[in-house]
Amino acid sequence: PPSVSISLVPSSSQPGPGRLLCSVMDFYPAAIQVRWFQGQQELSVLATDVVPNGDWTYQLLVLLETPPQRGLTYSCQ
């Protein structure tokens, strides 16, 4: 089954806590849209191309462009 995980990736080039990464793994078919939200507001992201795993499933990584702020709620959808 597909899986989604969120992790904090340290940034060597930017100050602050790093960036939030949404990893979407083992999904099929390849057509997918993944977005980051802070509350109801959609945020800017950097995304990889959809990558085939070689077993008919795919993976996608979507990185939030701005560092997360303490006290706010973020979601990957």
N, C-alpha and C. Protein backbone atom coordinates (compact mmCIF):
# COMPACT_ATOMS: atom_id res chain seq x y z
N PRO A 1 0.82 -1.20 0.00
CA PRO A 1 0.00 0.00 0.00
C PRO A 1 0.86 1.26 0.00
N PRO A 2 0.35 2.36 -0.49
CA PRO A 2 1.10 3.62 -0.48
C PRO A 2 1.42 4.06 0.95
N SER A 3 2.51 4.78 1.10
CA SER A 3 2.85 5.33 2.41
C SER A 3 3.28 6.78 2.27
N VAL A 4 3.01 7.57 3.29
CA VAL A 4 3.39 8.98 3.32
C VAL A 4 4.12 9.23 4.64
N SER A 5 5.26 9.88 4.56
CA SER A 5 5.97 10.25 5.79
C SER A 5 6.44 11.69 5.68
N ILE A 6 6.51 12.36 6.81
CA ILE A 6 6.99 13.73 6.88
C ILE A 6 8.22 13.75 7.76
N SER A 7 9.27 14.41 7.27
CA SER A 7 10.51 14.49 8.05
C SER A 7 11.07 15.90 7.96
N LEU A 8 11.94 16.24 8.89
CA LEU A 8 12.62 17.52 8.91
C LEU A 8 14.02 17.32 8.37
N VAL A 9 14.33 18.03 7.28
CA VAL A 9 15.63 17.89 6.62
C VAL A 9 16.49 19.10 6.97
N PRO A 10 17.65 18.90 7.58
CA PRO A 10 18.53 20.03 7.89
C PRO A 10 18.98 20.73 6.61
N SER A 11 19.14 22.04 6.69
CA SER A 11 19.60 22.82 5.54
C SER A 11 20.95 23.43 5.86
N SER A 12 21.94 23.12 5.05
CA SER A 12 23.28 23.67 5.28
C SER A 12 23.39 25.10 4.75
N SER A 13 22.51 25.47 3.79
CA SER A 13 22.62 26.78 3.17
C SER A 13 21.69 27.83 3.77
N GLN A 14 20.73 27.41 4.60
CA GLN A 14 19.76 28.34 5.17
C GLN A 14 19.79 28.24 6.70
N PRO A 15 19.66 29.38 7.37
CA PRO A 15 19.55 29.32 8.84
C PRO A 15 18.19 28.76 9.24
N GLY A 16 18.08 28.35 10.48
CA GLY A 16 16.79 27.88 10.97
C GLY A 16 16.72 26.38 11.10
N PRO A 17 15.52 25.87 11.34
CA PRO A 17 15.36 24.46 11.70
C PRO A 17 15.48 23.48 10.54
N GLY A 18 15.51 23.95 9.31
CA GLY A 18 15.55 23.05 8.16
C GLY A 18 14.26 23.15 7.37
N ARG A 19 13.99 22.12 6.58
CA ARG A 19 12.80 22.11 5.73
C ARG A 19 12.00 20.85 5.98
N LEU A 20 10.69 20.94 5.79
CA LEU A 20 9.83 19.77 5.91
C LEU A 20 9.77 19.04 4.57
N LEU A 21 9.94 17.73 4.63
CA LEU A 21 9.93 16.89 3.44
C LEU A 21 8.79 15.89 3.55
N CYS A 22 7.97 15.83 2.50
CA CYS A 22 6.89 14.86 2.42
C CYS A 22 7.31 13.79 1.41
N SER A 23 7.45 12.56 1.87
CA SER A 23 7.85 11.44 1.02
C SER A 23 6.63 10.56 0.78
N VAL A 24 6.26 10.41 -0.48
CA VAL A 24 5.12 9.58 -0.86
C VAL A 24 5.69 8.38 -1.62
N MET A 25 5.48 7.19 -1.09
CA MET A 25 6.14 5.99 -1.62
C MET A 25 5.13 4.92 -2.02
N ASP A 26 5.53 4.11 -2.99
CA ASP A 26 4.81 2.88 -3.36
C ASP A 26 3.37 3.13 -3.81
N PHE A 27 3.17 4.18 -4.63
CA PHE A 27 1.82 4.43 -5.14
C PHE A 27 1.72 4.04 -6.61
N TYR A 28 0.50 3.77 -7.05
CA TYR A 28 0.19 3.43 -8.43
C TYR A 28 -1.26 3.82 -8.66
N PRO A 29 -1.59 4.43 -9.77
CA PRO A 29 -0.75 4.81 -10.92
C PRO A 29 0.11 6.03 -10.62
N ALA A 30 0.89 6.44 -11.62
CA ALA A 30 1.88 7.50 -11.43
C ALA A 30 1.27 8.89 -11.28
N ALA A 31 0.06 9.09 -11.78
CA ALA A 31 -0.57 10.42 -11.71
C ALA A 31 -0.92 10.75 -10.25
N ILE A 32 -0.29 11.79 -9.73
CA ILE A 32 -0.50 12.17 -8.32
C ILE A 32 -0.23 13.66 -8.17
N GLN A 33 -0.92 14.28 -7.24
CA GLN A 33 -0.67 15.67 -6.89
C GLN A 33 -0.48 15.74 -5.38
N VAL A 34 0.67 16.25 -4.96
CA VAL A 34 0.98 16.37 -3.53
C VAL A 34 1.25 17.84 -3.25
N ARG A 35 0.60 18.36 -2.21
CA ARG A 35 0.74 19.78 -1.88
C ARG A 35 0.97 19.94 -0.38
N TRP A 36 1.66 21.02 -0.02
CA TRP A 36 1.86 21.40 1.37
C TRP A 36 0.92 22.54 1.72
N PHE A 37 0.36 22.49 2.93
CA PHE A 37 -0.51 23.55 3.43
C PHE A 37 -0.06 23.97 4.82
N GLN A 38 -0.24 25.26 5.10
CA GLN A 38 -0.13 25.78 6.47
C GLN A 38 -1.52 26.28 6.78
N GLY A 39 -2.23 25.53 7.62
CA GLY A 39 -3.65 25.79 7.81
C GLY A 39 -4.37 25.49 6.50
N GLN A 40 -5.09 26.47 5.96
CA GLN A 40 -5.79 26.30 4.68
C GLN A 40 -5.00 26.87 3.50
N GLN A 41 -3.84 27.48 3.76
CA GLN A 41 -3.08 28.15 2.71
C GLN A 41 -2.09 27.20 2.05
N GLU A 42 -2.17 27.10 0.72
CA GLU A 42 -1.21 26.27 -0.02
C GLU A 42 0.13 26.98 -0.07
N LEU A 43 1.21 26.23 0.08
CA LEU A 43 2.56 26.79 0.16
C LEU A 43 3.40 26.40 -1.05
N SER A 44 4.47 27.16 -1.28
CA SER A 44 5.40 26.87 -2.38
C SER A 44 6.26 25.66 -2.03
N VAL A 45 6.49 24.82 -3.03
CA VAL A 45 7.25 23.59 -2.81
C VAL A 45 8.27 23.37 -3.92
N LEU A 46 9.21 22.51 -3.62
CA LEU A 46 10.12 21.94 -4.61
C LEU A 46 9.82 20.45 -4.64
N ALA A 47 9.65 19.90 -5.84
CA ALA A 47 9.28 18.49 -5.95
C ALA A 47 10.17 17.78 -6.95
N THR A 48 10.44 16.52 -6.67
CA THR A 48 11.13 15.68 -7.64
C THR A 48 10.12 15.26 -8.71
N ASP A 49 10.62 14.72 -9.79
CA ASP A 49 9.74 14.05 -10.73
C ASP A 49 9.25 12.77 -10.07
N VAL A 50 8.13 12.25 -10.55
CA VAL A 50 7.67 10.94 -10.08
C VAL A 50 8.68 9.91 -10.56
N VAL A 51 9.19 9.09 -9.64
CA VAL A 51 10.25 8.13 -9.94
C VAL A 51 9.70 6.71 -9.86
N PRO A 52 9.91 5.91 -10.92
CA PRO A 52 9.46 4.51 -10.84
C PRO A 52 10.35 3.70 -9.91
N ASN A 53 9.75 2.80 -9.15
CA ASN A 53 10.50 1.92 -8.24
C ASN A 53 10.96 0.64 -8.92
N GLY A 54 10.44 0.35 -10.12
CA GLY A 54 10.82 -0.87 -10.82
C GLY A 54 9.87 -2.03 -10.56
N ASP A 55 8.86 -1.80 -9.72
CA ASP A 55 7.89 -2.88 -9.42
C ASP A 55 6.46 -2.41 -9.70
N TRP A 56 6.33 -1.48 -10.65
CA TRP A 56 5.05 -0.89 -11.05
C TRP A 56 4.55 0.16 -10.06
N THR A 57 5.30 0.45 -9.01
CA THR A 57 4.92 1.53 -8.10
C THR A 57 5.88 2.70 -8.29
N TYR A 58 5.52 3.82 -7.68
CA TYR A 58 6.27 5.06 -7.88
C TYR A 58 6.52 5.74 -6.54
N GLN A 59 7.43 6.75 -6.57
CA GLN A 59 7.70 7.55 -5.39
C GLN A 59 7.87 9.01 -5.79
N LEU A 60 7.64 9.90 -4.83
CA LEU A 60 7.73 11.34 -5.06
C LEU A 60 8.15 12.01 -3.76
N LEU A 61 9.06 12.98 -3.85
CA LEU A 61 9.50 13.76 -2.70
C LEU A 61 9.09 15.21 -2.92
N VAL A 62 8.46 15.82 -1.92
CA VAL A 62 7.99 17.21 -2.03
C VAL A 62 8.51 17.98 -0.82
N LEU A 63 9.35 18.98 -1.08
CA LEU A 63 10.02 19.75 -0.04
C LEU A 63 9.37 21.12 0.10
N LEU A 64 9.02 21.49 1.32
CA LEU A 64 8.48 22.82 1.59
C LEU A 64 9.61 23.83 1.41
N GLU A 65 9.37 24.89 0.61
CA GLU A 65 10.44 25.85 0.30
C GLU A 65 10.87 26.69 1.49
N THR A 66 9.95 27.00 2.39
CA THR A 66 10.27 27.88 3.51
C THR A 66 10.38 27.07 4.80
N PRO A 67 11.20 27.51 5.75
CA PRO A 67 11.32 26.78 7.01
C PRO A 67 10.01 26.82 7.78
N PRO A 68 9.69 25.75 8.49
CA PRO A 68 8.47 25.75 9.31
C PRO A 68 8.63 26.71 10.49
N GLN A 69 7.51 27.27 10.92
CA GLN A 69 7.51 28.17 12.07
C GLN A 69 6.86 27.49 13.26
N ARG A 70 7.45 27.67 14.42
CA ARG A 70 6.94 27.07 15.65
C ARG A 70 5.50 27.54 15.91
N GLY A 71 4.65 26.61 16.31
CA GLY A 71 3.28 26.95 16.67
C GLY A 71 2.29 26.88 15.53
N LEU A 72 2.77 26.71 14.30
CA LEU A 72 1.87 26.61 13.15
C LEU A 72 1.70 25.14 12.76
N THR A 73 0.58 24.84 12.12
CA THR A 73 0.28 23.47 11.71
C THR A 73 0.48 23.33 10.21
N TYR A 74 1.23 22.32 9.82
CA TYR A 74 1.51 22.06 8.40
C TYR A 74 0.96 20.69 8.04
N SER A 75 0.51 20.57 6.79
CA SER A 75 0.02 19.27 6.33
C SER A 75 0.46 19.03 4.89
N CYS A 76 0.71 17.78 4.61
CA CYS A 76 1.06 17.33 3.27
C CYS A 76 -0.15 16.54 2.78
N GLN A 77 -0.71 16.95 1.65
CA GLN A 77 -1.92 16.30 1.12
C GLN A 77 -1.74 15.93 -0.33
